[in-house]
Amino acid sequence: MLKIRLRQGEKMVVNGAVLRAAAPTTLWLENDAAILRGREVMRPEEADTPARRLYYACMLAYLDPAGRQAHQESILLLLDDLLRALESPKAKAACAALAHDVARGDYYRALSHGRSLIEHEVTLLAVAAGQVRH
């Protein structure tokens, strides 16, 4: 059983349906379902970098079992491109972990590795823009 606490106005997706809490609430999920909290959901226009596109493809595979094969093919292409561009062993390990989770069909867990790749990418872009020193 999974316990989910939502703040007033917070959104979540359950099997593709968007729900919004009218008041603070606690829910218990008693069976398997594809669930994402609002902060885990990415809109198409937000998938504007390689790591974000990879996260978005994993999110779609998680939420859309009927289209999973097509999403998985996108994930593999995006992952290949990202791996070629990365130099960091930590980022490459996150890619490998994401690939492993996708191969096992654990798309929700793959999303956590996708978030770490987005964080890595944000840092790289900040360094490139001269905002951060390594």
C-alpha atoms as a PDB file:
ATOM      1  CA  MET A   1       0.000   0.000   0.000  1.00  0.00           C
ATOM      2  CA  LEU A   2       1.313   3.455  -0.956  1.00  0.00           C
ATOM      3  CA  LYS A   3       0.415   6.536   1.099  1.00  0.00           C
ATOM      4  CA  ILE A   4       0.269   9.808  -0.830  1.00  0.00           C
ATOM      5  CA  ARG A   5      -0.177  13.219   0.763  1.00  0.00           C
ATOM      6  CA  LEU A   6      -1.306  16.101  -1.414  1.00  0.00           C
ATOM      7  CA  ARG A   7      -1.380  19.779  -0.557  1.00  0.00           C
ATOM      8  CA  GLN A   8      -4.288  21.965  -1.569  1.00  0.00           C
ATOM      9  CA  GLY A   9      -4.154  22.535  -5.317  1.00  0.00           C
ATOM     10  CA  GLU A  10      -1.427  19.922  -5.859  1.00  0.00           C
ATOM     11  CA  LYS A  11      -1.835  17.762  -8.956  1.00  0.00           C
ATOM     12  CA  MET A  12      -1.052  14.147  -9.625  1.00  0.00           C
ATOM     13  CA  VAL A  13      -1.494  11.781 -12.550  1.00  0.00           C
ATOM     14  CA  VAL A  14      -3.012   8.341 -12.007  1.00  0.00           C
ATOM     15  CA  ASN A  15      -3.045   6.055 -15.060  1.00  0.00           C
ATOM     16  CA  GLY A  16      -3.052   9.108 -17.322  1.00  0.00           C
ATOM     17  CA  ALA A  17      -5.836  11.002 -15.527  1.00  0.00           C
ATOM     18  CA  VAL A  18      -4.889  14.344 -13.957  1.00  0.00           C
ATOM     19  CA  LEU A  19      -6.269  14.818 -10.439  1.00  0.00           C
ATOM     20  CA  ARG A  20      -6.101  17.967  -8.300  1.00  0.00           C
ATOM     21  CA  ALA A  21      -6.597  18.123  -4.530  1.00  0.00           C
ATOM     22  CA  ALA A  22      -9.227  20.679  -3.462  1.00  0.00           C
ATOM     23  CA  ALA A  23      -7.891  20.548   0.091  1.00  0.00           C
ATOM     24  CA  PRO A  24      -4.976  18.887   1.858  1.00  0.00           C
ATOM     25  CA  THR A  25      -5.625  15.178   1.612  1.00  0.00           C
ATOM     26  CA  THR A  26      -4.082  11.776   2.144  1.00  0.00           C
ATOM     27  CA  LEU A  27      -4.707   8.911  -0.258  1.00  0.00           C
ATOM     28  CA  TRP A  28      -3.763   5.252  -0.004  1.00  0.00           C
ATOM     29  CA  LEU A  29      -3.135   3.347  -3.199  1.00  0.00           C
ATOM     30  CA  GLU A  30      -4.044  -0.269  -2.668  1.00  0.00           C
ATOM     31  CA  ASN A  31      -3.108  -1.728  -6.064  1.00  0.00           C
ATOM     32  CA  ASP A  32      -0.703  -1.114  -8.956  1.00  0.00           C
ATOM     33  CA  ALA A  33      -1.154   2.080 -10.949  1.00  0.00           C
ATOM     34  CA  ALA A  34       1.032   4.525 -12.859  1.00  0.00           C
ATOM     35  CA  ILE A  35       1.249   7.542 -10.535  1.00  0.00           C
ATOM     36  CA  LEU A  36       3.218  10.773 -10.847  1.00  0.00           C
ATOM     37  CA  ARG A  37       3.087  13.742  -8.496  1.00  0.00           C
ATOM     38  CA  GLY A  38       2.716  17.140 -10.124  1.00  0.00           C
ATOM     39  CA  ARG A  39       6.399  17.978  -9.719  1.00  0.00           C
ATOM     40  CA  GLU A  40       7.349  14.763 -11.549  1.00  0.00           C
ATOM     41  CA  VAL A  41       5.230  15.579 -14.611  1.00  0.00           C
ATOM     42  CA  MET A  42       6.943  17.274 -17.541  1.00  0.00           C
ATOM     43  CA  ARG A  43       4.995  19.102 -20.243  1.00  0.00           C
ATOM     44  CA  PRO A  44       6.105  18.573 -23.879  1.00  0.00           C
ATOM     45  CA  GLU A  45       7.442  22.136 -24.197  1.00  0.00           C
ATOM     46  CA  GLU A  46       9.709  21.545 -21.173  1.00  0.00           C
ATOM     47  CA  ALA A  47      11.518  18.685 -22.957  1.00  0.00           C
ATOM     48  CA  ASP A  48      13.978  21.124 -24.531  1.00  0.00           C
ATOM     49  CA  THR A  49      17.370  19.566 -23.746  1.00  0.00           C
ATOM     50  CA  PRO A  50      18.773  16.046 -24.320  1.00  0.00           C
ATOM     51  CA  ALA A  51      18.325  14.938 -20.690  1.00  0.00           C
ATOM     52  CA  ARG A  52      14.845  16.467 -20.503  1.00  0.00           C
ATOM     53  CA  ARG A  53      13.806  14.729 -23.738  1.00  0.00           C
ATOM     54  CA  LEU A  54      15.027  11.429 -22.270  1.00  0.00           C
ATOM     55  CA  TYR A  55      13.070  12.031 -19.046  1.00  0.00           C
ATOM     56  CA  TYR A  56       9.963  12.934 -21.058  1.00  0.00           C
ATOM     57  CA  ALA A  57      10.209   9.738 -23.144  1.00  0.00           C
ATOM     58  CA  CYS A  58      10.544   7.654 -19.949  1.00  0.00           C
ATOM     59  CA  MET A  59       7.558   9.463 -18.452  1.00  0.00           C
ATOM     60  CA  LEU A  60       5.449   8.701 -21.532  1.00  0.00           C
ATOM     61  CA  ALA A  61       6.489   5.041 -21.454  1.00  0.00           C
ATOM     62  CA  TYR A  62       5.480   4.879 -17.787  1.00  0.00           C
ATOM     63  CA  LEU A  63       2.091   6.528 -18.320  1.00  0.00           C
ATOM     64  CA  ASP A  64       1.212   4.995 -21.711  1.00  0.00           C
ATOM     65  CA  PRO A  65       1.504   1.202 -21.674  1.00  0.00           C
ATOM     66  CA  ALA A  66      -0.188   0.930 -25.096  1.00  0.00           C
ATOM     67  CA  GLY A  67       2.540   3.062 -26.704  1.00  0.00           C
ATOM     68  CA  ARG A  68       5.375   1.697 -24.631  1.00  0.00           C
ATOM     69  CA  GLN A  69       7.218   0.033 -27.532  1.00  0.00           C
ATOM     70  CA  ALA A  70       7.455   3.300 -29.492  1.00  0.00           C
ATOM     71  CA  HIS A  71       8.489   5.205 -26.370  1.00  0.00           C
ATOM     72  CA  GLN A  72      11.134   2.593 -25.576  1.00  0.00           C
ATOM     73  CA  GLU A  73      12.621   3.004 -29.046  1.00  0.00           C
ATOM     74  CA  SER A  74      12.783   6.784 -28.477  1.00  0.00           C
ATOM     75  CA  ILE A  75      14.402   6.225 -25.091  1.00  0.00           C
ATOM     76  CA  LEU A  76      17.129   4.055 -26.622  1.00  0.00           C
ATOM     77  CA  LEU A  77      17.906   6.611 -29.354  1.00  0.00           C
ATOM     78  CA  LEU A  78      17.960   9.512 -26.881  1.00  0.00           C
ATOM     79  CA  LEU A  79      20.078   7.516 -24.439  1.00  0.00           C
ATOM     80  CA  ASP A  80      22.600   6.664 -27.148  1.00  0.00           C
ATOM     81  CA  ASP A  81      22.922  10.348 -28.122  1.00  0.00           C
ATOM     82  CA  LEU A  82      23.302  11.432 -24.502  1.00  0.00           C
ATOM     83  CA  LEU A  83      25.909   8.770 -23.715  1.00  0.00           C
ATOM     84  CA  ARG A  84      28.051   9.948 -26.631  1.00  0.00           C
ATOM     85  CA  ALA A  85      27.925  13.539 -25.384  1.00  0.00           C
ATOM     86  CA  LEU A  86      28.671  12.833 -21.708  1.00  0.00           C
ATOM     87  CA  GLU A  87      32.126  12.631 -20.172  1.00  0.00           C
ATOM     88  CA  SER A  88      31.269  12.328 -16.476  1.00  0.00           C
ATOM     89  CA  PRO A  89      31.503   8.771 -15.091  1.00  0.00           C
ATOM     90  CA  LYS A  90      28.673   9.621 -12.674  1.00  0.00           C
ATOM     91  CA  ALA A  91      26.395  10.748 -15.524  1.00  0.00           C
ATOM     92  CA  LYS A  92      27.321   7.681 -17.593  1.00  0.00           C
ATOM     93  CA  ALA A  93      26.454   5.498 -14.581  1.00  0.00           C
ATOM     94  CA  ALA A  94      23.053   7.211 -14.356  1.00  0.00           C
ATOM     95  CA  CYS A  95      22.522   6.437 -18.056  1.00  0.00           C
ATOM     96  CA  ALA A  96      23.444   2.788 -17.483  1.00  0.00           C
ATOM     97  CA  ALA A  97      21.091   2.577 -14.502  1.00  0.00           C
ATOM     98  CA  LEU A  98      18.310   4.185 -16.529  1.00  0.00           C
ATOM     99  CA  ALA A  99      18.889   1.711 -19.381  1.00  0.00           C
ATOM    100  CA  HIS A 100      18.796  -1.181 -16.915  1.00  0.00           C
ATOM    101  CA  ASP A 101      15.500   0.026 -15.444  1.00  0.00           C
ATOM    102  CA  VAL A 102      13.982   0.484 -18.917  1.00  0.00           C
ATOM    103  CA  ALA A 103      15.083  -3.037 -19.887  1.00  0.00           C
ATOM    104  CA  ARG A 104      13.328  -4.349 -16.761  1.00  0.00           C
ATOM    105  CA  GLY A 105      10.216  -2.287 -17.544  1.00  0.00           C
ATOM    106  CA  ASP A 106      10.643  -0.195 -14.395  1.00  0.00           C
ATOM    107  CA  TYR A 107       9.972   3.193 -15.969  1.00  0.00           C
ATOM    108  CA  TYR A 108       9.151   4.900 -12.677  1.00  0.00           C
ATOM    109  CA  ARG A 109      12.609   4.088 -11.315  1.00  0.00           C
ATOM    110  CA  ALA A 110      14.149   5.170 -14.632  1.00  0.00           C
ATOM    111  CA  LEU A 111      12.619   8.604 -14.027  1.00  0.00           C
ATOM    112  CA  SER A 112      14.753   9.069 -10.900  1.00  0.00           C
ATOM    113  CA  HIS A 113      17.899   8.487 -12.970  1.00  0.00           C
ATOM    114  CA  GLY A 114      16.505  10.867 -15.569  1.00  0.00           C
ATOM    115  CA  ARG A 115      16.157  13.559 -12.888  1.00  0.00           C
ATOM    116  CA  SER A 116      19.804  13.109 -11.897  1.00  0.00           C
ATOM    117  CA  LEU A 117      20.800  13.490 -15.568  1.00  0.00           C
ATOM    118  CA  ILE A 118      18.777  16.702 -15.776  1.00  0.00           C
ATOM    119  CA  GLU A 119      20.603  18.009 -12.681  1.00  0.00           C
ATOM    120  CA  HIS A 120      23.951  17.109 -14.270  1.00  0.00           C
ATOM    121  CA  GLU A 121      22.918  18.847 -17.482  1.00  0.00           C
ATOM    122  CA  VAL A 122      21.845  21.997 -15.599  1.00  0.00           C
ATOM    123  CA  THR A 123      25.274  22.119 -13.958  1.00  0.00           C
ATOM    124  CA  LEU A 124      27.056  21.644 -17.298  1.00  0.00           C
ATOM    125  CA  LEU A 125      25.005  24.402 -18.918  1.00  0.00           C
ATOM    126  CA  ALA A 126      25.715  26.748 -16.008  1.00  0.00           C
ATOM    127  CA  VAL A 127      29.454  26.037 -16.303  1.00  0.00           C
ATOM    128  CA  ALA A 128      29.300  26.633 -20.059  1.00  0.00           C
ATOM    129  CA  ALA A 129      27.525  29.935 -19.466  1.00  0.00           C
ATOM    130  CA  GLY A 130      30.215  30.938 -16.957  1.00  0.00           C
ATOM    131  CA  GLN A 131      27.760  30.979 -14.048  1.00  0.00           C
ATOM    132  CA  VAL A 132      29.476  28.226 -12.071  1.00  0.00           C
ATOM    133  CA  ARG A 133      33.049  27.094 -11.733  1.00  0.00           C
ATOM    134  CA  HIS A 134      33.875  23.422 -11.458  1.00  0.00           C
END
